[in-house]
Amino acid sequence: HGRVASVEYKVRVHCGENYFGPFCNKFCRARDDFFG
């Protein structure tokens, strides 16, 4: 609530691609090749 305008908004943090866990430090990538 400011002097001129009131703003309601939401923020969210999400992990990057292939990273998981509460600290985004667990790596997992789907694959179908010689390695798995």
Full PDB file with SEQRES, HELIX, SHEET, SSBOND, CRYST1, ORIGX, SCALE, CONECT and MASTER records, all heavy atoms in Angstrom:
SEQRES   1 A   36  HIS GLY ARG VAL ALA SER VAL GLU TYR LYS VAL ARG VAL          
SEQRES   2 A   36  HIS CYS GLY GLU ASN TYR PHE GLY PRO PHE CYS ASN LYS          
SEQRES   3 A   36  PHE CYS ARG ALA ARG ASP ASP PHE PHE GLY                      
SHEET    1 AA1 2 TYR A  19  PHE A  20  0                                        
SHEET    2 AA1 2 LYS A  26  PHE A  27 -1                                        
SSBOND   1 CYS A   15    CYS A   24                          1555   1555  1.96  
CRYST1    1.000    1.000    1.000  90.00  90.00  90.00 P 1           1          
ORIGX1      1.000000  0.000000  0.000000        0.00000                         
ORIGX2      0.000000  1.000000  0.000000        0.00000                         
ORIGX3      0.000000  0.000000  1.000000        0.00000                         
SCALE1      1.000000  0.000000  0.000000        0.00000                         
SCALE2      0.000000  1.000000  0.000000        0.00000                         
SCALE3      0.000000  0.000000  1.000000        0.00000                         
ATOM      1  N   HIS A   1       0.866  -1.186   0.000  1.00  0.00           N  
ATOM      2  CA  HIS A   1       0.000   0.000   0.000  1.00  0.00           C  
ATOM      3  C   HIS A   1       0.901   1.235   0.000  1.00  0.00           C  
ATOM      4  O   HIS A   1       1.514   1.586   1.006  1.00  0.00           O  
ATOM      5  CB  HIS A   1      -0.916  -0.006   1.230  1.00  0.00           C  
ATOM      6  CG  HIS A   1      -1.894  -1.155   1.228  1.00  0.00           C  
ATOM      7  ND1 HIS A   1      -2.986  -1.212   0.385  1.00  0.00           N  
ATOM      8  CD2 HIS A   1      -1.924  -2.305   1.963  1.00  0.00           C  
ATOM      9  CE1 HIS A   1      -3.651  -2.343   0.608  1.00  0.00           C  
ATOM     10  NE2 HIS A   1      -3.000  -3.017   1.563  1.00  0.00           N  
ATOM     11  N   GLY A   2       1.003   1.880  -1.164  1.00  0.00           N  
ATOM     12  CA  GLY A   2       1.866   3.071  -1.286  1.00  0.00           C  
ATOM     13  C   GLY A   2       1.093   4.368  -1.234  1.00  0.00           C  
ATOM     14  O   GLY A   2      -0.126   4.389  -1.004  1.00  0.00           O  
ATOM     15  N   ARG A   3       1.828   5.419  -1.485  1.00  0.00           N  
ATOM     16  CA  ARG A   3       1.212   6.754  -1.434  1.00  0.00           C  
ATOM     17  C   ARG A   3       0.257   6.953  -2.606  1.00  0.00           C  
ATOM     18  O   ARG A   3      -0.780   7.600  -2.466  1.00  0.00           O  
ATOM     19  CB  ARG A   3       2.322   7.828  -1.467  1.00  0.00           C  
ATOM     20  CG  ARG A   3       1.809   9.266  -1.378  1.00  0.00           C  
ATOM     21  CD  ARG A   3       2.989  10.230  -1.341  1.00  0.00           C  
ATOM     22  NE  ARG A   3       3.849  10.061  -2.475  1.00  0.00           N  
ATOM     23  CZ  ARG A   3       3.609  10.631  -3.681  1.00  0.00           C  
ATOM     24  NH1 ARG A   3       2.540  11.369  -3.866  1.00  0.00           N  
ATOM     25  NH2 ARG A   3       4.437  10.437  -4.680  1.00  0.00           N  
ATOM     26  N   VAL A   4       0.611   6.386  -3.752  1.00  0.00           N  
ATOM     27  CA  VAL A   4      -0.195   6.600  -4.946  1.00  0.00           C  
ATOM     28  C   VAL A   4      -1.017   5.365  -5.306  1.00  0.00           C  
ATOM     29  O   VAL A   4      -2.177   5.469  -5.669  1.00  0.00           O  
ATOM     30  CB  VAL A   4       0.713   7.003  -6.123  1.00  0.00           C  
ATOM     31  CG1 VAL A   4      -0.117   7.158  -7.401  1.00  0.00           C  
ATOM     32  CG2 VAL A   4       1.453   8.285  -5.796  1.00  0.00           C  
ATOM     33  N   ALA A   5      -0.406   4.179  -5.184  1.00  0.00           N  
ATOM     34  CA  ALA A   5      -1.073   2.950  -5.674  1.00  0.00           C  
ATOM     35  C   ALA A   5      -0.938   1.821  -4.644  1.00  0.00           C  
ATOM     36  O   ALA A   5      -0.017   1.825  -3.828  1.00  0.00           O  
ATOM     37  CB  ALA A   5      -0.476   2.501  -7.010  1.00  0.00           C  
ATOM     38  N   SER A   6      -1.869   0.889  -4.706  1.00  0.00           N  
ATOM     39  CA  SER A   6      -1.814  -0.356  -3.925  1.00  0.00           C  
ATOM     40  C   SER A   6      -1.606  -1.511  -4.906  1.00  0.00           C  
ATOM     41  O   SER A   6      -2.279  -1.584  -5.944  1.00  0.00           O  
ATOM     42  CB  SER A   6      -3.107  -0.562  -3.136  1.00  0.00           C  
ATOM     43  OG  SER A   6      -3.246   0.455  -2.163  1.00  0.00           O  
ATOM     44  N   VAL A   7      -0.705  -2.388  -4.544  1.00  0.00           N  
ATOM     45  CA  VAL A   7      -0.350  -3.498  -5.457  1.00  0.00           C  
ATOM     46  C   VAL A   7      -0.435  -4.804  -4.686  1.00  0.00           C  
ATOM     47  O   VAL A   7       0.107  -4.930  -3.588  1.00  0.00           O  
ATOM     48  CB  VAL A   7       1.080  -3.309  -6.024  1.00  0.00           C  
ATOM     49  CG1 VAL A   7       1.386  -4.438  -7.002  1.00  0.00           C  
ATOM     50  CG2 VAL A   7       1.219  -1.951  -6.681  1.00  0.00           C  
ATOM     51  N   GLU A   8      -1.151  -5.787  -5.245  1.00  0.00           N  
ATOM     52  CA  GLU A   8      -1.172  -7.150  -4.725  1.00  0.00           C  
ATOM     53  C   GLU A   8      -0.517  -8.057  -5.760  1.00  0.00           C  
ATOM     54  O   GLU A   8      -0.872  -8.016  -6.935  1.00  0.00           O  
ATOM     55  CB  GLU A   8      -2.606  -7.603  -4.464  1.00  0.00           C  
ATOM     56  CG  GLU A   8      -3.280  -6.846  -3.340  1.00  0.00           C  
ATOM     57  CD  GLU A   8      -4.678  -7.374  -3.060  1.00  0.00           C  
ATOM     58  OE1 GLU A   8      -5.101  -8.297  -3.797  1.00  0.00           O  
ATOM     59  OE2 GLU A   8      -5.331  -6.869  -2.141  1.00  0.00           O  
ATOM     60  N   TYR A   9       0.407  -8.887  -5.331  1.00  0.00           N  
ATOM     61  CA  TYR A   9       1.133  -9.745  -6.263  1.00  0.00           C  
ATOM     62  C   TYR A   9       1.613 -10.982  -5.530  1.00  0.00           C  
ATOM     63  O   TYR A   9       1.555 -11.080  -4.315  1.00  0.00           O  
ATOM     64  CB  TYR A   9       2.312  -8.995  -6.891  1.00  0.00           C  
ATOM     65  CG  TYR A   9       3.317  -8.458  -5.891  1.00  0.00           C  
ATOM     66  CD1 TYR A   9       4.505  -9.154  -5.657  1.00  0.00           C  
ATOM     67  CD2 TYR A   9       3.081  -7.272  -5.199  1.00  0.00           C  
ATOM     68  CE1 TYR A   9       5.417  -8.680  -4.750  1.00  0.00           C  
ATOM     69  CE2 TYR A   9       3.983  -6.789  -4.290  1.00  0.00           C  
ATOM     70  CZ  TYR A   9       5.159  -7.495  -4.060  1.00  0.00           C  
ATOM     71  OH  TYR A   9       6.074  -7.031  -3.163  1.00  0.00           O  
ATOM     72  N   LYS A  10       2.064 -11.969  -6.310  1.00  0.00           N  
ATOM     73  CA  LYS A  10       2.595 -13.225  -5.784  1.00  0.00           C  
ATOM     74  C   LYS A  10       3.958 -13.485  -6.386  1.00  0.00           C  
ATOM     75  O   LYS A  10       4.212 -13.142  -7.537  1.00  0.00           O  
ATOM     76  CB  LYS A  10       1.674 -14.405  -6.115  1.00  0.00           C  
ATOM     77  CG  LYS A  10       0.308 -14.348  -5.471  1.00  0.00           C  
ATOM     78  CD  LYS A  10      -0.520 -15.560  -5.875  1.00  0.00           C  
ATOM     79  CE  LYS A  10      -1.901 -15.515  -5.251  1.00  0.00           C  
ATOM     80  NZ  LYS A  10      -2.719 -16.694  -5.659  1.00  0.00           N  
ATOM     81  N   VAL A  11       4.812 -14.126  -5.598  1.00  0.00           N  
ATOM     82  CA  VAL A  11       6.144 -14.488  -6.086  1.00  0.00           C  
ATOM     83  C   VAL A  11       6.336 -15.989  -5.860  1.00  0.00           C  
ATOM     84  O   VAL A  11       5.776 -16.575  -4.943  1.00  0.00           O  
ATOM     85  CB  VAL A  11       7.254 -13.684  -5.373  1.00  0.00           C  
ATOM     86  CG1 VAL A  11       7.106 -12.209  -5.673  1.00  0.00           C  
ATOM     87  CG2 VAL A  11       7.199 -13.918  -3.880  1.00  0.00           C  
ATOM     88  N   ARG A  12       7.139 -16.607  -6.731  1.00  0.00           N  
ATOM     89  CA  ARG A  12       7.440 -18.035  -6.623  1.00  0.00           C  
ATOM     90  C   ARG A  12       8.841 -18.294  -7.145  1.00  0.00           C  
ATOM     91  O   ARG A  12       9.273 -17.669  -8.116  1.00  0.00           O  
ATOM     92  CB  ARG A  12       6.443 -18.861  -7.441  1.00  0.00           C  
ATOM     93  CG  ARG A  12       6.686 -20.361  -7.341  1.00  0.00           C  
ATOM     94  CD  ARG A  12       5.644 -21.177  -8.062  1.00  0.00           C  
ATOM     95  NE  ARG A  12       5.702 -20.973  -9.508  1.00  0.00           N  
ATOM     96  CZ  ARG A  12       5.024 -21.698 -10.392  1.00  0.00           C  
ATOM     97  NH1 ARG A  12       4.206 -22.649  -9.961  1.00  0.00           N  
ATOM     98  NH2 ARG A  12       5.123 -21.464 -11.674  1.00  0.00           N  
ATOM     99  N   VAL A  13       9.541 -19.230  -6.488  1.00  0.00           N  
ATOM    100  CA  VAL A  13      10.859 -19.665  -6.924  1.00  0.00           C  
ATOM    101  C   VAL A  13      10.722 -21.084  -7.459  1.00  0.00           C  
ATOM    102  O   VAL A  13      10.116 -21.929  -6.810  1.00  0.00           O  
ATOM    103  CB  VAL A  13      11.873 -19.639  -5.751  1.00  0.00           C  
ATOM    104  CG1 VAL A  13      13.210 -20.231  -6.189  1.00  0.00           C  
ATOM    105  CG2 VAL A  13      12.048 -18.225  -5.260  1.00  0.00           C  
ATOM    106  N   HIS A  14      11.208 -21.390  -8.653  1.00  0.00           N  
ATOM    107  CA  HIS A  14      11.172 -22.755  -9.179  1.00  0.00           C  
ATOM    108  C   HIS A  14      12.549 -23.126  -9.694  1.00  0.00           C  
ATOM    109  O   HIS A  14      13.330 -22.266 -10.124  1.00  0.00           O  
ATOM    110  CB  HIS A  14      10.120 -22.911 -10.273  1.00  0.00           C  
ATOM    111  CG  HIS A  14      10.352 -22.063 -11.492  1.00  0.00           C  
ATOM    112  ND1 HIS A  14      11.172 -22.437 -12.526  1.00  0.00           N  
ATOM    113  CD2 HIS A  14       9.860 -20.839 -11.830  1.00  0.00           C  
ATOM    114  CE1 HIS A  14      11.180 -21.485 -13.445  1.00  0.00           C  
ATOM    115  NE2 HIS A  14      10.393 -20.505 -13.043  1.00  0.00           N  
ATOM    116  N   CYS A  15      12.823 -24.453  -9.614  1.00  0.00           N  
ATOM    117  CA  CYS A  15      14.144 -24.962  -9.991  1.00  0.00           C  
ATOM    118  C   CYS A  15      14.311 -24.913 -11.499  1.00  0.00           C  
ATOM    119  O   CYS A  15      13.346 -25.025 -12.260  1.00  0.00           O  
ATOM    120  CB  CYS A  15      14.333 -26.397  -9.507  1.00  0.00           C  
ATOM    121  SG  CYS A  15      14.263 -26.584  -7.714  1.00  0.00           S  
ATOM    122  N   GLY A  16      15.552 -24.812 -11.911  1.00  0.00           N  
ATOM    123  CA  GLY A  16      15.870 -24.867 -13.320  1.00  0.00           C  
ATOM    124  C   GLY A  16      15.655 -26.262 -13.870  1.00  0.00           C  
ATOM    125  O   GLY A  16      15.429 -27.227 -13.153  1.00  0.00           O  
ATOM    126  N   GLU A  17      15.723 -26.442 -15.181  1.00  0.00           N  
ATOM    127  CA  GLU A  17      15.485 -27.717 -15.839  1.00  0.00           C  
ATOM    128  C   GLU A  17      16.464 -28.770 -15.331  1.00  0.00           C  
ATOM    129  O   GLU A  17      17.659 -28.508 -15.186  1.00  0.00           O  
ATOM    130  CB  GLU A  17      15.618 -27.551 -17.354  1.00  0.00           C  
ATOM    131  CG  GLU A  17      15.266 -28.811 -18.125  1.00  0.00           C  
ATOM    132  CD  GLU A  17      15.386 -28.621 -19.625  1.00  0.00           C  
ATOM    133  OE1 GLU A  17      15.868 -27.552 -20.036  1.00  0.00           O  
ATOM    134  OE2 GLU A  17      15.021 -29.541 -20.368  1.00  0.00           O  
ATOM    135  N   ASN A  18      15.904 -29.965 -15.008  1.00  0.00           N  
ATOM    136  CA  ASN A  18      16.672 -31.141 -14.568  1.00  0.00           C  
ATOM    137  C   ASN A  18      17.182 -31.003 -13.134  1.00  0.00           C  
ATOM    138  O   ASN A  18      18.014 -31.808 -12.704  1.00  0.00           O  
ATOM    139  CB  ASN A  18      17.852 -31.435 -15.497  1.00  0.00           C  
ATOM    140  CG  ASN A  18      17.394 -31.719 -16.912  1.00  0.00           C  
ATOM    141  OD1 ASN A  18      16.330 -32.300 -17.124  1.00  0.00           O  
ATOM    142  ND2 ASN A  18      18.178 -31.295 -17.889  1.00  0.00           N  
ATOM    143  N   TYR A  19      16.704 -29.963 -12.374  1.00  0.00           N  
ATOM    144  CA  TYR A  19      17.107 -29.830 -10.977  1.00  0.00           C  
ATOM    145  C   TYR A  19      15.862 -29.949 -10.095  1.00  0.00           C  
ATOM    146  O   TYR A  19      14.788 -29.438 -10.429  1.00  0.00           O  
ATOM    147  CB  TYR A  19      17.814 -28.494 -10.735  1.00  0.00           C  
ATOM    148  CG  TYR A  19      19.208 -28.470 -11.310  1.00  0.00           C  
ATOM    149  CD1 TYR A  19      19.425 -28.010 -12.601  1.00  0.00           C  
ATOM    150  CD2 TYR A  19      20.285 -28.926 -10.573  1.00  0.00           C  
ATOM    151  CE1 TYR A  19      20.704 -27.999 -13.148  1.00  0.00           C  
ATOM    152  CE2 TYR A  19      21.570 -28.912 -11.107  1.00  0.00           C  
ATOM    153  CZ  TYR A  19      21.773 -28.462 -12.390  1.00  0.00           C  
ATOM    154  OH  TYR A  19      23.048 -28.464 -12.910  1.00  0.00           O  
ATOM    155  N   PHE A  20      16.027 -30.618  -8.948  1.00  0.00           N  
ATOM    156  CA  PHE A  20      14.908 -30.909  -8.079  1.00  0.00           C  
ATOM    157  C   PHE A  20      15.341 -30.720  -6.627  1.00  0.00           C  
ATOM    158  O   PHE A  20      16.507 -30.490  -6.335  1.00  0.00           O  
ATOM    159  CB  PHE A  20      14.430 -32.359  -8.288  1.00  0.00           C  
ATOM    160  CG  PHE A  20      13.992 -32.661  -9.694  1.00  0.00           C  
ATOM    161  CD1 PHE A  20      14.926 -33.070 -10.651  1.00  0.00           C  
ATOM    162  CD2 PHE A  20      12.666 -32.538 -10.070  1.00  0.00           C  
ATOM    163  CE1 PHE A  20      14.531 -33.357 -11.945  1.00  0.00           C  
ATOM    164  CE2 PHE A  20      12.268 -32.830 -11.364  1.00  0.00           C  
ATOM    165  CZ  PHE A  20      13.199 -33.225 -12.307  1.00  0.00           C  
ATOM    166  N   GLY A  21      14.379 -30.845  -5.726  1.00  0.00           N  
ATOM    167  CA  GLY A  21      14.656 -30.777  -4.310  1.00  0.00           C  
ATOM    168  C   GLY A  21      14.386 -29.412  -3.715  1.00  0.00           C  
ATOM    169  O   GLY A  21      14.222 -28.415  -4.429  1.00  0.00           O  
ATOM    170  N   PRO A  22      14.355 -29.310  -2.389  1.00  0.00           N  
ATOM    171  CA  PRO A  22      14.064 -28.025  -1.721  1.00  0.00           C  
ATOM    172  C   PRO A  22      15.155 -26.986  -1.935  1.00  0.00           C  
ATOM    173  O   PRO A  22      14.914 -25.797  -1.767  1.00  0.00           O  
ATOM    174  CB  PRO A  22      13.932 -28.411  -0.253  1.00  0.00           C  
ATOM    175  CG  PRO A  22      14.685 -29.688  -0.122  1.00  0.00           C  
ATOM    176  CD  PRO A  22      14.518 -30.404  -1.408  1.00  0.00           C  
ATOM    177  N   PHE A  23      16.363 -27.409  -2.321  1.00  0.00           N  
ATOM    178  CA  PHE A  23      17.461 -26.462  -2.566  1.00  0.00           C  
ATOM    179  C   PHE A  23      17.850 -26.420  -4.032  1.00  0.00           C  
ATOM    180  O   PHE A  23      18.859 -25.820  -4.380  1.00  0.00           O  
ATOM    181  CB  PHE A  23      18.678 -26.841  -1.713  1.00  0.00           C  
ATOM    182  CG  PHE A  23      18.395 -26.870  -0.237  1.00  0.00           C  
ATOM    183  CD1 PHE A  23      18.187 -28.070   0.412  1.00  0.00           C  
ATOM    184  CD2 PHE A  23      18.295 -25.690   0.493  1.00  0.00           C  
ATOM    185  CE1 PHE A  23      17.914 -28.115   1.755  1.00  0.00           C  
ATOM    186  CE2 PHE A  23      18.027 -25.729   1.842  1.00  0.00           C  
ATOM    187  CZ  PHE A  23      17.838 -26.932   2.488  1.00  0.00           C  
ATOM    188  N   CYS A  24      17.031 -27.150  -4.906  1.00  0.00           N  
ATOM    189  CA  CYS A  24      17.318 -27.203  -6.341  1.00  0.00           C  
ATOM    190  C   CYS A  24      18.732 -27.706  -6.606  1.00  0.00           C  
ATOM    191  O   CYS A  24      19.412 -27.256  -7.549  1.00  0.00           O  
ATOM    192  CB  CYS A  24      17.110 -25.834  -7.000  1.00  0.00           C  
ATOM    193  SG  CYS A  24      15.416 -25.223  -6.892  1.00  0.00           S  
ATOM    194  N   ASN A  25      19.200 -28.615  -5.774  1.00  0.00           N  
ATOM    195  CA  ASN A  25      20.566 -29.111  -5.932  1.00  0.00           C  
ATOM    196  C   ASN A  25      20.607 -30.585  -6.271  1.00  0.00           C  
ATOM    197  O   ASN A  25      21.681 -31.192  -6.250  1.00  0.00           O  
ATOM    198  CB  ASN A  25      21.366 -28.862  -4.645  1.00  0.00           C  
ATOM    199  CG  ASN A  25      20.720 -29.524  -3.438  1.00  0.00           C  
ATOM    200  OD1 ASN A  25      19.599 -30.018  -3.542  1.00  0.00           O  
ATOM    201  ND2 ASN A  25      21.410 -29.527  -2.322  1.00  0.00           N  
ATOM    202  N   LYS A  26      19.430 -31.213  -6.587  1.00  0.00           N  
ATOM    203  CA  LYS A  26      19.392 -32.615  -6.964  1.00  0.00           C  
ATOM    204  C   LYS A  26      19.187 -32.705  -8.464  1.00  0.00           C  
ATOM    205  O   LYS A  26      18.164 -32.264  -8.995  1.00  0.00           O  
ATOM    206  CB  LYS A  26      18.256 -33.341  -6.232  1.00  0.00           C  
ATOM    207  CG  LYS A  26      18.263 -34.845  -6.452  1.00  0.00           C  
ATOM    208  CD  LYS A  26      17.219 -35.523  -5.577  1.00  0.00           C  
ATOM    209  CE  LYS A  26      17.282 -37.030  -5.740  1.00  0.00           C  
ATOM    210  NZ  LYS A  26      16.299 -37.717  -4.869  1.00  0.00           N  
ATOM    211  N   PHE A  27      20.184 -33.292  -9.160  1.00  0.00           N  
ATOM    212  CA  PHE A  27      20.160 -33.326 -10.614  1.00  0.00           C  
ATOM    213  C   PHE A  27      19.586 -34.655 -11.096  1.00  0.00           C  
ATOM    214  O   PHE A  27      19.965 -35.715 -10.610  1.00  0.00           O  
ATOM    215  CB  PHE A  27      21.578 -33.151 -11.169  1.00  0.00           C  
ATOM    216  CG  PHE A  27      21.649 -33.196 -12.675  1.00  0.00           C  
ATOM    217  CD1 PHE A  27      21.263 -32.104 -13.431  1.00  0.00           C  
ATOM    218  CD2 PHE A  27      22.071 -34.346 -13.318  1.00  0.00           C  
ATOM    219  CE1 PHE A  27      21.318 -32.168 -14.815  1.00  0.00           C  
ATOM    220  CE2 PHE A  27      22.131 -34.398 -14.694  1.00  0.00           C  
ATOM    221  CZ  PHE A  27      21.760 -33.301 -15.461  1.00  0.00           C  
ATOM    222  N   CYS A  28      18.664 -34.605 -12.054  1.00  0.00           N  
ATOM    223  CA  CYS A  28      18.111 -35.794 -12.685  1.00  0.00           C  
ATOM    224  C   CYS A  28      17.643 -35.408 -14.074  1.00  0.00           C  
ATOM    225  O   CYS A  28      16.840 -34.477 -14.232  1.00  0.00           O  
ATOM    226  CB  CYS A  28      16.950 -36.376 -11.871  1.00  0.00           C  
ATOM    227  SG  CYS A  28      16.230 -37.879 -12.610  1.00  0.00           S  
ATOM    228  N   ARG A  29      18.164 -36.181 -15.089  1.00  0.00           N  
ATOM    229  CA  ARG A  29      17.775 -35.896 -16.467  1.00  0.00           C  
ATOM    230  C   ARG A  29      17.309 -37.192 -17.125  1.00  0.00           C  
ATOM    231  O   ARG A  29      18.003 -38.207 -17.081  1.00  0.00           O  
ATOM    232  CB  ARG A  29      18.952 -35.316 -17.252  1.00  0.00           C  
ATOM    233  CG  ARG A  29      18.590 -34.939 -18.691  1.00  0.00           C  
ATOM    234  CD  ARG A  29      19.743 -34.322 -19.413  1.00  0.00           C  
ATOM    235  NE  ARG A  29      20.848 -35.279 -19.544  1.00  0.00           N  
ATOM    236  CZ  ARG A  29      22.047 -34.973 -20.052  1.00  0.00           C  
ATOM    237  NH1 ARG A  29      22.291 -33.721 -20.419  1.00  0.00           N  
ATOM    238  NH2 ARG A  29      22.981 -35.889 -20.153  1.00  0.00           N  
ATOM    239  N   ALA A  30      16.107 -37.165 -17.692  1.00  0.00           N  
ATOM    240  CA  ALA A  30      15.580 -38.344 -18.371  1.00  0.00           C  
ATOM    241  C   ALA A  30      16.433 -38.657 -19.591  1.00  0.00           C  
ATOM    242  O   ALA A  30      16.875 -37.750 -20.312  1.00  0.00           O  
ATOM    243  CB  ALA A  30      14.126 -38.102 -18.781  1.00  0.00           C  
ATOM    244  N   ARG A  31      16.662 -39.993 -19.824  1.00  0.00           N  
ATOM    245  CA  ARG A  31      17.488 -40.378 -20.963  1.00  0.00           C  
ATOM    246  C   ARG A  31      17.106 -41.791 -21.403  1.00  0.00           C  
ATOM    247  O   ARG A  31      16.546 -42.586 -20.649  1.00  0.00           O  
ATOM    248  CB  ARG A  31      18.958 -40.297 -20.629  1.00  0.00           C  
ATOM    249  CG  ARG A  31      19.435 -41.206 -19.527  1.00  0.00           C  
ATOM    250  CD  ARG A  31      20.853 -40.838 -19.089  1.00  0.00           C  
ATOM    251  NE  ARG A  31      21.739 -40.610 -20.210  1.00  0.00           N  
ATOM    252  CZ  ARG A  31      22.806 -39.799 -20.179  1.00  0.00           C  
ATOM    253  NH1 ARG A  31      23.113 -39.165 -19.062  1.00  0.00           N  
ATOM    254  NH2 ARG A  31      23.569 -39.642 -21.232  1.00  0.00           N  
ATOM    255  N   ASP A  32      17.459 -42.100 -22.625  1.00  0.00           N  
ATOM    256  CA  ASP A  32      17.211 -43.412 -23.202  1.00  0.00           C  
ATOM    257  C   ASP A  32      18.360 -43.717 -24.160  1.00  0.00           C  
ATOM    258  O   ASP A  32      18.218 -43.673 -25.378  1.00  0.00           O  
ATOM    259  CB  ASP A  32      15.856 -43.436 -23.925  1.00  0.00           C  
ATOM    260  CG  ASP A  32      15.479 -44.824 -24.410  1.00  0.00           C  
ATOM    261  OD1 ASP A  32      16.106 -45.804 -23.956  1.00  0.00           O  
ATOM    262  OD2 ASP A  32      14.566 -44.935 -25.260  1.00  0.00           O  
ATOM    263  N   ASP A  33      19.525 -44.021 -23.578  1.00  0.00           N  
ATOM    264  CA  ASP A  33      20.723 -44.274 -24.381  1.00  0.00           C  
ATOM    265  C   ASP A  33      21.603 -45.284 -23.651  1.00  0.00           C  
ATOM    266  O   ASP A  33      21.147 -45.964 -22.725  1.00  0.00           O  
ATOM    267  CB  ASP A  33      21.479 -42.954 -24.627  1.00  0.00           C  
ATOM    268  CG  ASP A  33      21.741 -42.175 -23.356  1.00  0.00           C  
ATOM    269  OD1 ASP A  33      21.780 -42.812 -22.270  1.00  0.00           O  
ATOM    270  OD2 ASP A  33      21.892 -40.948 -23.409  1.00  0.00           O  
ATOM    271  N   PHE A  34      22.833 -45.380 -24.025  1.00  0.00           N  
ATOM    272  CA  PHE A  34      23.745 -46.349 -23.449  1.00  0.00           C  
ATOM    273  C   PHE A  34      23.928 -46.136 -21.949  1.00  0.00           C  
ATOM    274  O   PHE A  34      24.156 -47.087 -21.195  1.00  0.00           O  
ATOM    275  CB  PHE A  34      25.105 -46.252 -24.162  1.00  0.00           C  
ATOM    276  CG  PHE A  34      26.170 -47.104 -23.537  1.00  0.00           C  
ATOM    277  CD1 PHE A  34      26.215 -48.470 -23.791  1.00  0.00           C  
ATOM    278  CD2 PHE A  34      27.113 -46.558 -22.684  1.00  0.00           C  
ATOM    279  CE1 PHE A  34      27.194 -49.257 -23.195  1.00  0.00           C  
ATOM    280  CE2 PHE A  34      28.086 -47.349 -22.097  1.00  0.00           C  
ATOM    281  CZ  PHE A  34      28.131 -48.705 -22.353  1.00  0.00           C  
ATOM    282  N   PHE A  35      23.811 -44.901 -21.496  1.00  0.00           N  
ATOM    283  CA  PHE A  35      24.078 -44.590 -20.093  1.00  0.00           C  
ATOM    284  C   PHE A  35      22.859 -44.790 -19.198  1.00  0.00           C  
ATOM    285  O   PHE A  35      22.965 -44.660 -17.979  1.00  0.00           O  
ATOM    286  CB  PHE A  35      24.579 -43.143 -19.971  1.00  0.00           C  
ATOM    287  CG  PHE A  35      25.871 -42.918 -20.697  1.00  0.00           C  
ATOM    288  CD1 PHE A  35      25.875 -42.322 -21.953  1.00  0.00           C  
ATOM    289  CD2 PHE A  35      27.073 -43.313 -20.132  1.00  0.00           C  
ATOM    290  CE1 PHE A  35      27.058 -42.117 -22.626  1.00  0.00           C  
ATOM    291  CE2 PHE A  35      28.267 -43.097 -20.809  1.00  0.00           C  
ATOM    292  CZ  PHE A  35      28.265 -42.507 -22.065  1.00  0.00           C  
ATOM    293  N   GLY A  36      21.697 -45.090 -19.724  1.00  0.00           N  
ATOM    294  CA  GLY A  36      20.529 -45.339 -18.893  1.00  0.00           C  
ATOM    295  C   GLY A  36      19.223 -45.197 -19.667  1.00  0.00           C  
ATOM    296  O   GLY A  36      19.185 -44.591 -20.748  1.00  0.00           O  
TER     297      GLY A  36                                                      
CONECT  121  193                                                                
CONECT  193  121                                                                
MASTER        0    0    0    0    2    0    0    6  296    1    2    3          
END                                                                             
